[in-house]
Amino acid sequence: MEEQHFTLSEILLLQLLLGSITYLIGSIAFFFLIKKLPMKWKVLAMILQFSLAVALSMVIWRFWPFPFDIMVFDGINLPALLAELIFLLPILIFQKRNRR
């Protein structure tokens, strides 16, 4: 059996395809969490958040330690979901603490 080699761009495109729904929902949630920022800063923050979430999900995917498939829930890429939660939950917690 011969080895298959994939380029980084092929892996990135596959990750974007598999996690597209998760990234879209995460970006919408992030947009509503940063609603007080001016529009220019919102766009920059969303681009940064999206880029970091994709990069982190690729790292999570690379070191996936569990014996089950990363697409265990049909249509939801678990590394992408974990990456989005890592970025969104601290912002949500910070906003909840500052409202009190």
Protein backbone atom coordinates (compact mmCIF):
# COMPACT_ATOMS: atom_id res chain seq x y z
CA MET A 1 0.00 0.00 0.00
CA GLU A 2 1.51 3.31 -0.99
CA GLU A 3 1.52 6.44 1.14
CA GLN A 4 -0.66 9.38 0.28
CA HIS A 5 0.73 12.87 0.63
CA PHE A 6 -1.45 15.93 1.01
CA THR A 7 -0.40 19.53 0.72
CA LEU A 8 -1.27 22.07 3.39
CA SER A 9 -3.62 23.86 0.98
CA GLU A 10 -5.57 20.63 0.34
CA ILE A 11 -5.95 20.02 4.07
CA LEU A 12 -6.98 23.66 4.62
CA LEU A 13 -9.63 23.46 1.89
CA LEU A 14 -10.98 20.21 3.31
CA GLN A 15 -11.14 21.75 6.79
CA LEU A 16 -12.99 24.80 5.41
CA LEU A 17 -15.44 22.56 3.57
CA LEU A 18 -16.13 20.28 6.53
CA GLY A 19 -16.41 23.11 9.05
CA SER A 20 -18.20 25.69 6.91
CA ILE A 21 -21.51 25.53 8.79
CA THR A 22 -19.75 25.67 12.15
CA TYR A 23 -17.58 28.62 11.10
CA LEU A 24 -20.62 30.49 9.75
CA ILE A 25 -22.59 30.03 12.97
CA GLY A 26 -19.53 30.94 15.04
CA SER A 27 -18.95 34.12 13.04
CA ILE A 28 -22.59 35.18 13.44
CA ALA A 29 -22.44 34.54 17.20
CA PHE A 30 -19.14 36.46 17.42
CA PHE A 31 -20.70 39.38 15.52
CA PHE A 32 -23.48 39.66 18.09
CA LEU A 33 -21.05 39.34 20.99
CA ILE A 34 -18.99 42.32 19.78
CA LYS A 35 -21.95 44.51 18.81
CA LYS A 36 -20.64 47.57 20.70
CA LEU A 37 -17.54 47.94 18.51
CA PRO A 38 -17.49 50.24 15.47
CA MET A 39 -18.09 48.44 12.16
CA LYS A 40 -14.44 48.73 11.07
CA TRP A 41 -13.25 46.97 14.22
CA LYS A 42 -16.03 44.37 13.97
CA VAL A 43 -14.87 43.34 10.51
CA LEU A 44 -11.23 43.16 11.60
CA ALA A 45 -12.12 41.20 14.74
CA MET A 46 -14.28 38.77 12.74
CA ILE A 47 -11.49 38.16 10.21
CA LEU A 48 -9.03 37.55 13.03
CA GLN A 49 -11.43 35.27 14.90
CA PHE A 50 -12.19 33.27 11.75
CA SER A 51 -8.50 32.88 10.87
CA LEU A 52 -7.56 31.78 14.38
CA ALA A 53 -10.52 29.38 14.61
CA VAL A 54 -9.54 27.70 11.34
CA ALA A 55 -5.89 27.44 12.43
CA LEU A 56 -6.82 26.06 15.85
CA SER A 57 -9.25 23.55 14.36
CA MET A 58 -6.50 22.28 12.06
CA VAL A 59 -4.24 21.78 15.09
CA ILE A 60 -7.04 20.00 16.96
CA TRP A 61 -7.70 17.86 13.89
CA ARG A 62 -4.02 16.95 13.60
CA PHE A 63 -3.78 15.78 17.20
CA TRP A 64 -7.30 14.26 17.46
CA PRO A 65 -6.86 11.64 20.24
CA PHE A 66 -10.31 10.04 20.25
CA PRO A 67 -11.18 6.78 18.48
CA PHE A 68 -14.36 8.15 16.89
CA ASP A 69 -14.72 10.17 13.71
CA ILE A 70 -14.44 13.97 13.77
CA MET A 71 -17.75 14.21 11.88
CA VAL A 72 -19.61 12.12 14.45
CA PHE A 73 -22.60 14.49 14.38
CA ASP A 74 -23.69 14.70 10.74
CA GLY A 75 -22.62 18.06 9.37
CA ILE A 76 -20.76 19.31 12.44
CA ASN A 77 -16.99 19.17 12.39
CA LEU A 78 -15.94 18.63 16.02
CA PRO A 79 -12.51 20.31 15.80
CA ALA A 80 -14.16 23.38 14.27
CA LEU A 81 -16.82 23.36 16.97
CA LEU A 82 -14.20 23.10 19.71
CA ALA A 83 -12.18 25.94 18.16
CA GLU A 84 -15.25 28.19 17.96
CA LEU A 85 -16.15 27.42 21.57
CA ILE A 86 -12.61 28.19 22.70
CA PHE A 87 -12.92 31.65 21.14
CA LEU A 88 -16.55 32.45 21.96
CA LEU A 89 -16.95 31.21 25.54
CA PRO A 90 -14.34 33.51 27.15
CA ILE A 91 -15.90 36.54 25.45
CA LEU A 92 -19.37 35.49 26.58
CA ILE A 93 -18.20 34.90 30.17
CA PHE A 94 -16.38 38.26 30.22
CA GLN A 95 -19.51 40.06 29.02
CA LYS A 96 -21.73 38.31 31.58
CA ARG A 97 -19.38 39.27 34.43
CA ASN A 98 -19.22 42.92 33.34
CA ARG A 99 -23.02 43.27 33.18
CA ARG A 100 -23.36 42.72 36.92
